N, C-alpha and C. Protein backbone atom coordinates (compact mmCIF):
# COMPACT_ATOMS: atom_id res chain seq x y z
N UNK A 1 -21.88 -3.95 -7.72
CA UNK A 1 -21.09 -3.06 -6.75
C UNK A 1 -21.53 -1.62 -5.60
N UNK A 2 -22.94 -2.27 -5.50
CA UNK A 2 -23.62 -1.66 -4.32
C UNK A 2 -22.61 -2.03 -3.29
N UNK A 3 -22.61 -3.31 -2.85
CA UNK A 3 -21.61 -3.10 -1.38
C UNK A 3 -20.10 -3.36 -1.61
N UNK A 4 -19.89 -2.87 -3.00
CA UNK A 4 -18.69 -2.35 -3.13
C UNK A 4 -18.87 -0.63 -2.55
N UNK A 5 -19.99 -0.28 -2.85
CA UNK A 5 -20.29 0.96 -2.36
C UNK A 5 -20.33 1.61 -1.03
N UNK A 6 -20.79 0.68 -0.45
CA UNK A 6 -20.86 0.79 0.82
C UNK A 6 -20.05 0.29 1.83
N UNK A 7 -19.15 -0.54 1.45
CA UNK A 7 -17.78 -0.47 1.96
C UNK A 7 -17.17 1.10 1.59
N UNK A 8 -16.80 1.21 0.48
CA UNK A 8 -15.88 2.62 0.38
C UNK A 8 -16.96 3.46 1.26
N UNK A 9 -17.86 3.71 1.60
CA UNK A 9 -18.40 4.86 2.73
C UNK A 9 -17.71 4.77 4.04
N UNK A 10 -17.71 3.63 4.20
CA UNK A 10 -17.18 3.25 5.62
C UNK A 10 -15.50 3.70 5.68
N UNK A 11 -15.01 3.29 4.41
CA UNK A 11 -13.59 3.38 4.46
C UNK A 11 -13.30 5.13 4.50
N UNK A 12 -14.20 5.45 3.66
CA UNK A 12 -13.88 7.23 3.77
C UNK A 12 -13.79 7.49 4.78
N UNK A 13 -15.00 6.97 6.14
CA UNK A 13 -14.32 7.58 7.17
C UNK A 13 -13.38 7.38 8.41
N UNK A 14 -12.31 5.97 7.97
CA UNK A 14 -11.68 5.63 8.54
C UNK A 14 -10.21 6.49 7.61
N UNK A 15 -10.43 6.72 6.23
CA UNK A 15 -9.75 7.88 5.36
C UNK A 15 -9.61 9.22 5.74
N UNK A 16 -11.10 9.91 6.76
CA UNK A 16 -10.37 10.77 7.06
C UNK A 16 -9.91 10.87 8.35
N UNK A 17 -9.86 10.17 9.10
CA UNK A 17 -9.78 10.13 10.31
C UNK A 17 -7.80 9.90 10.32
N UNK A 18 -7.41 9.17 9.61
CA UNK A 18 -6.05 9.25 8.60
C UNK A 18 -5.54 10.71 8.12
N UNK A 19 -6.63 11.03 7.47
CA UNK A 19 -6.05 12.45 7.51
C UNK A 19 -5.67 13.42 8.71
N UNK A 20 -6.61 12.91 9.78
CA UNK A 20 -6.20 13.90 10.94
C UNK A 20 -5.46 14.02 11.61
N UNK A 21 -4.63 12.70 11.45
CA UNK A 21 -3.97 12.03 12.63
C UNK A 21 -2.60 12.31 11.75
N UNK A 22 -2.42 12.37 10.22
CA UNK A 22 -1.19 12.72 9.78
C UNK A 22 -1.88 13.05 7.95
N UNK A 23 -1.68 14.24 7.27
CA UNK A 23 -2.04 14.98 6.17
C UNK A 23 -1.64 14.24 5.47
N UNK A 24 0.33 14.23 5.53
CA UNK A 24 0.91 13.47 4.62
C UNK A 24 0.75 11.90 4.07
N UNK A 25 0.38 11.29 5.20
CA UNK A 25 -0.10 10.20 4.97
C UNK A 25 -1.03 9.67 4.52
N UNK A 26 -2.41 10.91 4.27
CA UNK A 26 -3.76 10.66 3.56
C UNK A 26 -3.45 11.34 2.32
N UNK A 27 -2.23 11.87 1.49
CA UNK A 27 -2.26 12.46 0.54
C UNK A 27 -0.97 11.08 0.09
N UNK A 28 -0.70 10.65 0.54
CA UNK A 28 0.12 10.25 -0.03
C UNK A 28 -0.62 8.57 -0.44
N UNK A 29 -1.38 7.83 0.51
CA UNK A 29 -2.38 7.19 0.30
C UNK A 29 -3.43 7.12 -0.85
N UNK A 30 -3.28 8.60 -0.91
CA UNK A 30 -4.33 9.29 -2.49
C UNK A 30 -3.53 9.05 -4.05
N UNK A 31 -2.36 9.18 -3.23
CA UNK A 31 -1.68 8.89 -4.84
C UNK A 31 -1.48 7.92 -4.99
N UNK A 32 -1.00 7.24 -3.97
CA UNK A 32 -1.31 5.34 -3.99
C UNK A 32 -2.25 4.99 -5.23
N UNK A 33 -3.52 5.47 -4.43
CA UNK A 33 -4.53 4.87 -4.57
C UNK A 33 -4.54 5.13 -6.28
N UNK A 34 -4.54 6.03 -6.61
CA UNK A 34 -4.54 6.42 -8.44
C UNK A 34 -3.62 6.25 -9.01
N UNK A 35 -2.53 5.85 -8.67
CA UNK A 35 -0.61 4.93 -8.97
C UNK A 35 -1.38 3.17 -9.02
N UNK A 36 -2.20 2.52 -8.28
CA UNK A 36 -2.51 0.83 -7.77
C UNK A 36 -3.89 0.80 -9.58
N UNK A 37 -4.67 1.99 -8.78
CA UNK A 37 -5.77 1.65 -10.30
C UNK A 37 -4.69 1.69 -11.84
N UNK A 38 -3.53 2.62 -11.98
CA UNK A 38 -3.89 2.89 -13.77
C UNK A 38 -2.97 1.61 -13.78
N UNK A 39 -2.18 0.75 -12.67
CA UNK A 39 -1.42 -0.28 -12.26
C UNK A 39 -2.46 -1.15 -12.87
N UNK A 40 -3.20 -1.70 -11.66
CA UNK A 40 -3.96 -2.63 -12.43
C UNK A 40 -5.26 -2.48 -13.63
N UNK A 41 -5.28 -1.33 -13.82
CA UNK A 41 -5.87 -1.59 -15.27
C UNK A 41 -4.83 -1.87 -16.13
N UNK A 42 -3.38 -1.69 -16.14
CA UNK A 42 -2.59 -2.00 -17.52
C UNK A 42 -2.10 -4.02 -17.03
N UNK A 43 -2.66 -4.24 -15.90
CA UNK A 43 -2.72 -5.41 -15.56
C UNK A 43 -4.37 -6.54 -15.98
N UNK A 44 -4.72 -5.58 -16.67
CA UNK A 44 -6.28 -6.90 -17.24
C UNK A 44 -7.27 -6.77 -15.78
N UNK A 45 -7.69 -5.79 -15.16
CA UNK A 45 -7.92 -6.25 -13.50
C UNK A 45 -9.84 -5.66 -14.31
N UNK A 46 -10.61 -6.25 -13.92
CA UNK A 46 -12.73 -6.11 -13.98
C UNK A 46 -12.18 -4.81 -13.34
N UNK A 47 -13.76 -4.35 -13.05
CA UNK A 47 -14.20 -2.77 -13.01
C UNK A 47 -14.26 -3.92 -11.62
N UNK A 48 -14.55 -4.63 -11.04
CA UNK A 48 -15.01 -5.31 -9.37
C UNK A 48 -13.64 -5.26 -8.59
N UNK A 49 -12.79 -5.28 -9.76
CA UNK A 49 -11.31 -5.87 -8.95
C UNK A 49 -10.44 -4.41 -8.74
N UNK A 50 -11.01 -3.57 -9.66
CA UNK A 50 -10.41 -2.11 -9.77
C UNK A 50 -10.84 -1.59 -8.62
N UNK A 51 -12.29 -1.23 -7.99
CA UNK A 51 -12.33 -0.79 -7.28
C UNK A 51 -12.27 -1.60 -5.94
N UNK A 52 -12.00 -2.68 -5.70
CA UNK A 52 -11.14 -2.64 -4.04
C UNK A 52 -10.20 -2.89 -4.61
N UNK A 53 -9.57 -2.62 -5.68
CA UNK A 53 -8.15 -2.18 -5.28
C UNK A 53 -7.56 -0.62 -4.92
N UNK A 54 -8.99 -0.21 -5.57
CA UNK A 54 -8.47 1.15 -5.51
C UNK A 54 -8.22 1.38 -3.67
N UNK A 55 -10.02 0.94 -2.91
CA UNK A 55 -9.96 1.13 -1.68
C UNK A 55 -9.37 1.21 -0.83
N UNK A 56 -8.31 -0.68 -1.42
CA UNK A 56 -7.60 -0.84 -0.41
C UNK A 56 -6.54 0.07 -0.39
N UNK A 57 -5.56 0.51 -1.47
CA UNK A 57 -4.85 1.62 -1.70
C UNK A 57 -5.27 2.68 -0.50
N UNK A 58 -6.54 3.18 -1.22
CA UNK A 58 -6.97 3.88 0.23
C UNK A 58 -6.86 4.40 1.27
N UNK A 59 -6.51 3.37 1.76
CA UNK A 59 -6.46 2.80 2.86
C UNK A 59 -5.37 1.76 4.09
N UNK A 60 -4.53 1.40 2.33
CA UNK A 60 -3.36 0.64 2.68
C UNK A 60 -2.63 0.73 4.18
N UNK A 61 -2.36 2.27 3.86
CA UNK A 61 -1.68 2.77 5.33
C UNK A 61 -2.19 3.93 6.96
N UNK A 62 -3.87 2.58 7.05
CA UNK A 62 -4.77 2.77 7.58
C UNK A 62 -4.21 2.37 9.41
N UNK A 63 -3.59 1.38 9.61
CA UNK A 63 -2.41 1.50 10.69
C UNK A 63 -1.87 1.99 11.08
N UNK A 64 -1.01 3.23 10.17
CA UNK A 64 -0.39 4.44 11.31
C UNK A 64 -0.90 4.96 12.12
N UNK A 65 -2.08 5.43 11.93
CA UNK A 65 -3.26 5.85 13.37
C UNK A 65 -3.03 5.03 14.33
N UNK A 66 -2.59 3.99 14.81
CA UNK A 66 -2.02 3.56 16.29
C UNK A 66 -0.25 3.92 16.54
N UNK A 67 0.47 4.64 15.31
CA UNK A 67 2.01 4.53 15.37
C UNK A 67 1.82 5.89 16.19
N UNK A 68 2.97 5.91 17.27
CA UNK A 68 3.56 6.79 18.08
C UNK A 68 4.01 7.77 17.33
N UNK A 69 3.40 8.90 17.83
CA UNK A 69 4.34 9.86 16.55
C UNK A 69 5.62 10.63 16.72
N UNK A 70 6.14 9.88 17.65
CA UNK A 70 7.90 10.07 17.52
C UNK A 70 8.46 9.44 16.83
N UNK A 71 7.84 8.22 15.84
CA UNK A 71 7.89 7.53 14.92
C UNK A 71 7.59 8.22 14.24
N UNK A 72 6.11 8.36 13.74
CA UNK A 72 5.59 8.61 12.81
C UNK A 72 6.03 9.65 12.05
N UNK A 73 6.26 10.88 13.05
CA UNK A 73 7.00 12.17 12.53
C UNK A 73 8.05 12.30 12.57
N UNK A 74 8.78 11.16 12.94
CA UNK A 74 10.60 11.59 13.22
C UNK A 74 10.84 11.78 11.71
N UNK A 75 11.92 12.81 11.55
CA UNK A 75 12.55 13.29 10.60
C UNK A 75 13.40 13.02 10.35
N UNK A 76 13.86 11.47 10.72
CA UNK A 76 14.83 10.97 10.03
C UNK A 76 14.88 9.41 9.72
N UNK A 77 15.76 8.59 9.51
CA UNK A 77 15.69 7.22 9.14
C UNK A 77 15.39 6.78 10.66
N UNK A 78 14.69 5.24 10.66
CA UNK A 78 14.30 5.09 11.87
C UNK A 78 14.99 4.08 12.31
N UNK A 79 15.08 3.84 14.07
CA UNK A 79 16.11 2.39 14.24
C UNK A 79 15.21 1.04 14.42
N UNK A 80 16.02 0.07 14.88
CA UNK A 80 15.73 -1.19 14.75
C UNK A 80 13.66 -1.08 15.75
N UNK A 81 14.20 -0.60 17.60
CA UNK A 81 12.81 -0.43 17.82
C UNK A 81 11.81 0.57 16.82
N UNK A 82 12.15 1.15 16.77
CA UNK A 82 10.67 2.26 15.79
C UNK A 82 10.85 1.73 14.76
N UNK A 83 11.50 1.02 13.29
CA UNK A 83 11.09 -0.05 12.69
C UNK A 83 10.18 -1.48 12.96
N UNK A 84 10.50 -1.70 14.04
CA UNK A 84 9.84 -3.14 14.58
C UNK A 84 7.83 -2.47 15.35
N UNK A 85 8.26 -0.99 14.94
CA UNK A 85 7.00 -0.33 15.84
C UNK A 85 5.56 0.03 14.57
N UNK A 86 6.74 0.40 13.55
CA UNK A 86 6.39 0.82 12.48
C UNK A 86 5.49 -0.35 11.37
N UNK A 87 6.41 -1.22 11.46
CA UNK A 87 5.78 -2.53 10.40
C UNK A 87 4.60 -3.33 11.16
N UNK A 88 4.19 -3.10 12.50
CA UNK A 88 2.71 -3.02 12.76
C UNK A 88 1.76 -2.48 12.25
N UNK A 89 1.43 -1.85 11.15
CA UNK A 89 1.02 -0.84 10.77
C UNK A 89 -0.23 -1.59 9.52
N UNK A 90 1.07 -2.27 8.65
CA UNK A 90 -0.15 -3.14 7.80
C UNK A 90 -0.80 -4.38 8.53
N UNK A 91 -0.45 -4.67 9.85
CA UNK A 91 -1.08 -5.83 10.12
C UNK A 91 -2.35 -5.36 11.37
N UNK A 92 -2.37 -4.15 11.51
CA UNK A 92 -3.32 -3.49 12.70
C UNK A 92 -4.81 -2.61 11.71
N UNK A 93 -4.23 -2.39 10.53
CA UNK A 93 -4.44 -1.80 9.33
C UNK A 93 -5.77 -2.73 9.06
N UNK A 94 -5.26 -3.67 8.32
CA UNK A 94 -6.13 -4.82 8.36
C UNK A 94 -6.78 -5.32 8.94
N UNK A 95 -6.81 -5.63 10.32
CA UNK A 95 -7.56 -5.67 11.56
C UNK A 95 -8.74 -4.36 11.14
N UNK A 96 -7.86 -3.63 11.35
CA UNK A 96 -8.72 -2.86 11.25
C UNK A 96 -10.53 -2.33 9.83
N UNK A 97 -9.83 -3.07 9.23
CA UNK A 97 -11.01 -3.05 8.07
C UNK A 97 -12.10 -4.37 8.14
N UNK A 98 -10.92 -4.96 8.80
CA UNK A 98 -11.75 -6.51 8.52
C UNK A 98 -12.59 -6.64 10.02
N UNK A 99 -13.19 -5.02 10.55
CA UNK A 99 -13.64 -5.19 11.87
C UNK A 99 -15.08 -4.13 11.49
N UNK A 100 -14.89 -3.78 10.02
CA UNK A 100 -16.10 -3.30 8.91
C UNK A 100 -17.39 -4.04 8.72
N UNK A 101 -18.45 -3.91 8.45
CA UNK A 101 -19.57 -4.36 7.61
C UNK A 101 -19.20 -4.61 6.21
N UNK A 102 -19.56 -5.64 5.99
CA UNK A 102 -19.66 -5.66 4.05
C UNK A 102 -18.83 -7.31 3.37
N UNK A 103 -19.49 -7.07 2.49
CA UNK A 103 -19.13 -8.53 1.47
C UNK A 103 -17.73 -8.44 1.14
N UNK A 104 -16.87 -7.58 1.40
CA UNK A 104 -15.59 -7.23 0.50
C UNK A 104 -14.22 -7.17 2.01
N UNK A 105 -15.05 -6.63 3.27
CA UNK A 105 -14.09 -6.33 4.54
C UNK A 105 -12.89 -7.27 4.06
N UNK A 106 -13.04 -8.78 4.33
CA UNK A 106 -11.83 -9.53 4.33
C UNK A 106 -10.75 -9.32 3.01
N UNK A 107 -11.34 -9.22 1.95
CA UNK A 107 -10.31 -9.17 0.90
C UNK A 107 -9.60 -8.22 0.95
N UNK A 108 -10.60 -6.61 1.38
CA UNK A 108 -9.52 -5.28 1.11
C UNK A 108 -8.87 -5.37 2.90
N UNK A 109 -9.23 -6.46 3.80
CA UNK A 109 -8.35 -5.92 4.41
C UNK A 109 -7.51 -7.41 4.75
N UNK A 110 -7.04 -7.98 4.00
CA UNK A 110 -6.05 -8.83 3.35
C UNK A 110 -5.14 -7.73 2.29
N UNK A 111 -5.86 -7.64 1.77
CA UNK A 111 -4.69 -6.67 0.82
C UNK A 111 -3.93 -5.63 1.29
N UNK A 112 -4.91 -4.81 2.83
CA UNK A 112 -4.26 -3.94 3.19
C UNK A 112 -2.70 -4.80 4.43
N UNK A 113 -3.01 -6.11 5.34
CA UNK A 113 -2.23 -6.31 5.49
C UNK A 113 -0.98 -7.09 4.72
N UNK A 114 -1.30 -7.22 3.35
CA UNK A 114 -0.40 -7.69 2.89
C UNK A 114 0.70 -6.58 2.01
N UNK A 115 0.28 -5.80 2.39
CA UNK A 115 0.89 -4.60 1.12
C UNK A 115 2.85 -4.42 0.84
N UNK A 116 3.14 -5.12 2.50
CA UNK A 116 4.34 -4.89 2.47
C UNK A 116 5.11 -6.55 2.70
N UNK A 117 4.35 -7.40 1.78
CA UNK A 117 5.55 -9.13 1.34
C UNK A 117 6.30 -8.89 0.49
N UNK A 118 6.57 -9.16 0.43
CA UNK A 118 8.06 -8.96 -0.68
C UNK A 118 7.95 -10.88 -1.57
N UNK A 119 8.27 -10.31 -3.04
CA UNK A 119 8.06 -11.95 -3.41
C UNK A 119 8.68 -12.98 -3.62
N UNK A 120 9.36 -12.57 -2.45
CA UNK A 120 11.01 -13.35 -2.40
C UNK A 120 10.38 -14.28 -0.66
N UNK A 121 9.66 -13.68 -0.57
CA UNK A 121 9.16 -14.14 1.53
C UNK A 121 9.79 -13.19 1.94
N UNK A 122 10.60 -12.10 1.91
CA UNK A 122 11.06 -11.64 2.97
C UNK A 122 10.89 -10.07 3.52
N UNK A 123 9.33 -9.89 3.41
CA UNK A 123 8.29 -9.00 3.68
C UNK A 123 8.01 -9.38 4.37
N UNK A 124 7.03 -8.45 5.08
CA UNK A 124 6.05 -8.55 6.31
C UNK A 124 4.47 -8.52 6.36
N UNK A 125 3.79 -8.46 7.02
CA UNK A 125 3.85 -9.42 8.43
C UNK A 125 4.24 -11.07 8.75
N UNK A 126 3.40 -11.79 7.62
CA UNK A 126 3.24 -13.39 7.26
C UNK A 126 4.58 -13.46 6.95
N UNK A 127 5.56 -12.91 6.36
CA UNK A 127 6.49 -14.07 5.01
C UNK A 127 5.32 -14.56 4.09
N UNK A 128 5.16 -13.73 3.73
CA UNK A 128 4.24 -14.72 2.55
C UNK A 128 5.15 -14.93 1.39
N UNK A 129 5.26 -15.30 -0.14
CA UNK A 129 6.12 -15.04 -1.09
C UNK A 129 5.24 -15.34 -2.20
N UNK A 130 5.95 -15.15 -3.85
CA UNK A 130 4.81 -15.27 -4.79
C UNK A 130 4.05 -15.29 -4.82
N UNK A 131 3.00 -15.66 -5.40
CA UNK A 131 1.53 -16.05 -5.80
C UNK A 131 0.38 -16.49 -4.50
N UNK A 132 1.37 -16.64 -3.42
CA UNK A 132 0.38 -16.24 -2.24
C UNK A 132 0.54 -15.37 -1.66
N UNK A 133 0.83 -14.19 -1.81
CA UNK A 133 0.76 -13.03 -1.54
C UNK A 133 -0.92 -12.31 -2.92
N UNK A 134 -2.03 -11.94 -1.79
CA UNK A 134 -2.64 -11.33 -2.93
C UNK A 134 -2.57 -10.81 -3.74
N UNK A 135 -2.64 -10.49 -5.43
CA UNK A 135 -2.23 -10.30 -6.25
C UNK A 135 -2.55 -8.44 -6.60
N UNK A 136 -3.59 -7.90 -6.00
CA UNK A 136 -4.23 -6.86 -5.39
C UNK A 136 -2.97 -5.60 -4.04
N UNK A 137 -2.59 -7.06 -3.57
CA UNK A 137 -1.47 -6.45 -3.06
C UNK A 137 -0.09 -6.48 -3.17
N UNK A 138 0.15 -7.09 -4.35
CA UNK A 138 0.90 -7.21 -5.01
C UNK A 138 1.63 -5.66 -5.68
N UNK A 139 -0.07 -5.45 -6.60
CA UNK A 139 0.06 -4.06 -7.26
C UNK A 139 0.12 -2.84 -6.11
N UNK A 140 0.05 -3.04 -4.46
CA UNK A 140 -0.17 -2.10 -3.91
C UNK A 140 0.92 -1.30 -3.80
N UNK A 141 1.53 -3.06 -3.58
CA UNK A 141 2.83 -2.79 -2.92
C UNK A 141 4.61 -2.15 -4.09
N UNK A 142 3.75 -2.08 -5.08
CA UNK A 142 4.50 -1.34 -5.86
C UNK A 142 4.36 0.17 -6.33
N UNK A 143 2.80 -0.10 -5.98
CA UNK A 143 2.26 1.82 -6.49
C UNK A 143 2.67 2.88 -4.70
N UNK A 144 2.55 1.53 -3.95
CA UNK A 144 3.55 2.16 -2.97
C UNK A 144 4.72 2.39 -2.66
N UNK A 145 5.69 1.60 -3.18
CA UNK A 145 6.91 2.36 -3.04
C UNK A 145 6.92 2.72 -3.80
N UNK A 146 6.57 2.92 -5.62
CA UNK A 146 6.83 4.63 -6.30
C UNK A 146 6.46 5.19 -5.68
N UNK A 147 5.22 5.70 -5.16
CA UNK A 147 5.04 6.84 -4.58
C UNK A 147 5.82 7.62 -3.19
N UNK A 148 6.40 5.94 -2.11
CA UNK A 148 7.72 6.45 -1.00
C UNK A 148 8.35 7.42 -1.80
N UNK A 149 9.39 7.04 -3.09
CA UNK A 149 10.95 7.12 -3.63
C UNK A 149 10.22 8.37 -4.10
N UNK A 150 8.95 8.87 -5.02
CA UNK A 150 9.23 10.12 -5.58
C UNK A 150 8.96 11.28 -4.60
N UNK A 151 8.21 10.97 -3.20
CA UNK A 151 8.02 12.03 -2.87
C UNK A 151 9.62 12.88 -1.52
N UNK A 152 9.81 13.91 -1.47
CA UNK A 152 10.86 13.81 -0.38
C UNK A 152 10.65 14.04 1.01
N UNK A 153 11.40 13.66 1.61
CA UNK A 153 11.42 13.24 3.05
C UNK A 153 12.53 14.03 3.70
N UNK A 154 12.40 14.48 4.89
CA UNK A 154 13.04 15.21 5.55
C UNK A 154 14.56 14.68 5.70
N UNK A 155 14.75 13.32 5.10
CA UNK A 155 16.35 12.88 5.61
C UNK A 155 16.76 12.40 4.09
N UNK A 156 15.85 13.45 2.89
CA UNK A 156 15.92 12.45 1.50
C UNK A 156 15.30 13.02 0.08
N UNK A 157 15.84 13.48 -0.93
CA UNK A 157 15.43 13.81 -1.53
C UNK A 157 14.47 13.36 -2.38
N UNK A 158 13.22 13.79 -3.47
CA UNK A 158 12.75 12.87 -4.09
C UNK A 158 13.72 12.24 -5.38
N UNK A 159 13.40 10.94 -5.72
CA UNK A 159 14.22 9.77 -6.99
C UNK A 159 13.13 10.67 -8.06
N UNK A 160 13.88 10.40 -9.44
CA UNK A 160 13.17 11.08 -10.46
C UNK A 160 12.78 9.74 -10.67
N UNK A 161 11.49 9.59 -11.93
CA UNK A 161 11.08 9.01 -12.21
C UNK A 161 12.11 7.56 -12.70
N UNK A 162 12.85 7.84 -13.83
CA UNK A 162 13.99 6.73 -14.09
C UNK A 162 14.64 5.90 -12.70
N UNK A 163 14.86 7.15 -12.20
CA UNK A 163 15.96 6.00 -11.08
C UNK A 163 14.57 5.50 -9.89
N UNK A 164 13.47 5.43 -9.65
CA UNK A 164 12.40 4.78 -9.72
C UNK A 164 12.46 3.30 -10.19
N UNK A 165 12.32 4.05 -11.45
CA UNK A 165 11.97 2.38 -12.22
C UNK A 165 13.40 1.52 -12.29
N UNK A 166 14.26 2.24 -12.12
CA UNK A 166 15.56 1.19 -12.36
C UNK A 166 15.52 0.52 -10.64
N UNK A 167 15.33 1.34 -9.52
CA UNK A 167 15.31 0.52 -8.16
C UNK A 167 14.19 -0.58 -8.69
N UNK A 168 12.66 -0.65 -8.72
CA UNK A 168 12.20 -1.13 -9.44
C UNK A 168 12.09 -2.73 -10.12
N UNK A 169 13.05 -2.09 -11.01
CA UNK A 169 13.34 -3.18 -12.05
C UNK A 169 14.77 -4.21 -11.71
N UNK A 170 15.20 -3.55 -10.53
CA UNK A 170 16.48 -3.93 -10.00
C UNK A 170 15.86 -5.25 -9.15
N UNK A 171 14.61 -4.84 -8.56
CA UNK A 171 13.92 -5.39 -7.24
C UNK A 171 12.88 -5.78 -8.12
N UNK A 172 12.55 -6.61 -8.93
CA UNK A 172 11.72 -6.90 -9.72
C UNK A 172 12.04 -8.80 -9.49
N UNK A 173 10.74 -10.07 -8.64
CA UNK A 173 11.29 -11.53 -8.51
C UNK A 173 11.94 -11.45 -7.02
N UNK A 174 12.64 -10.47 -6.89
CA UNK A 174 13.13 -10.33 -4.95
C UNK A 174 11.66 -9.45 -4.27
N UNK A 175 11.77 -8.20 -4.22
CA UNK A 175 10.83 -7.73 -3.36
C UNK A 175 9.68 -7.54 -4.36
N UNK A 176 9.61 -7.27 -5.69
CA UNK A 176 8.05 -6.94 -6.34
C UNK A 176 7.95 -8.11 -6.87
N UNK A 177 6.78 -8.56 -7.32
CA UNK A 177 6.16 -9.64 -8.47
C UNK A 177 6.49 -9.49 -9.71
N UNK A 178 7.80 -9.95 -10.99
CA UNK A 178 7.95 -9.39 -11.73
C UNK A 178 6.38 -9.29 -12.98
N UNK A 179 5.26 -9.89 -12.94
CA UNK A 179 4.61 -9.75 -13.71
C UNK A 179 4.08 -8.17 -13.59
N UNK A 180 3.59 -8.10 -12.30
CA UNK A 180 3.17 -6.48 -12.31
C UNK A 180 4.38 -5.50 -12.28
N UNK A 181 5.68 -5.45 -12.14
CA UNK A 181 6.71 -4.18 -12.88
C UNK A 181 6.73 -4.53 -14.26
N UNK A 182 6.28 -5.43 -14.64
CA UNK A 182 6.69 -5.07 -16.39
C UNK A 182 4.97 -4.62 -16.45
N UNK A 183 3.79 -4.86 -16.41
CA UNK A 183 2.50 -4.24 -16.49
C UNK A 183 3.25 -2.47 -16.41
N UNK A 184 4.03 -2.31 -14.95
CA UNK A 184 4.02 -0.82 -14.96
C UNK A 184 5.32 0.10 -15.64
N UNK A 185 6.01 -0.93 -16.38
CA UNK A 185 7.05 -0.56 -17.51
C UNK A 185 6.07 -0.20 -18.28
N UNK A 186 5.17 -1.07 -18.55
CA UNK A 186 4.44 -0.86 -19.81
C UNK A 186 3.83 -0.01 -19.77
N UNK A 187 3.59 0.55 -18.26
CA UNK A 187 2.39 1.95 -18.45
C UNK A 187 3.08 2.82 -18.37
N UNK A 188 4.52 3.13 -17.82
CA UNK A 188 5.23 4.65 -17.95
C UNK A 188 6.46 4.70 -19.03
């Protein structure tokens, strides 16, 4: 676990940079990290996997540091060009993490890179599907989506827990990993 602690110190510095860039994204990342850990526990992950999951979820949106303010802070839905810029954050975040030193940077970097992949292959950046998506990235995806729906945006109200659960279940097998959705249901 010592090597995980070394990585955590480095990632904490990057998290602070994200906080300085956009406080809302930093807060979202902390909530997503807590949700991902709870879901990982429900999925039966071991202590080491939980530590990596929590770290990756904490920096899953790190790549948003490079997203222009006009896109990142836009108070409404993104157009196609803006969406293309926003979608680059998972890939650039994964690259940032993988440039750090330590035994687990590749693992955490892949989780960050693939947290927007969809179970049916329709996600990004690589169009991975099913179990080709790392399990920890599938867990972060579910926690990320839950929190994104639960928090108010300038252009929409927050969804209630039952509304979110209905959406997550309807997207099980397409957007989300069915066993991970089932574990989330058991937890809630």
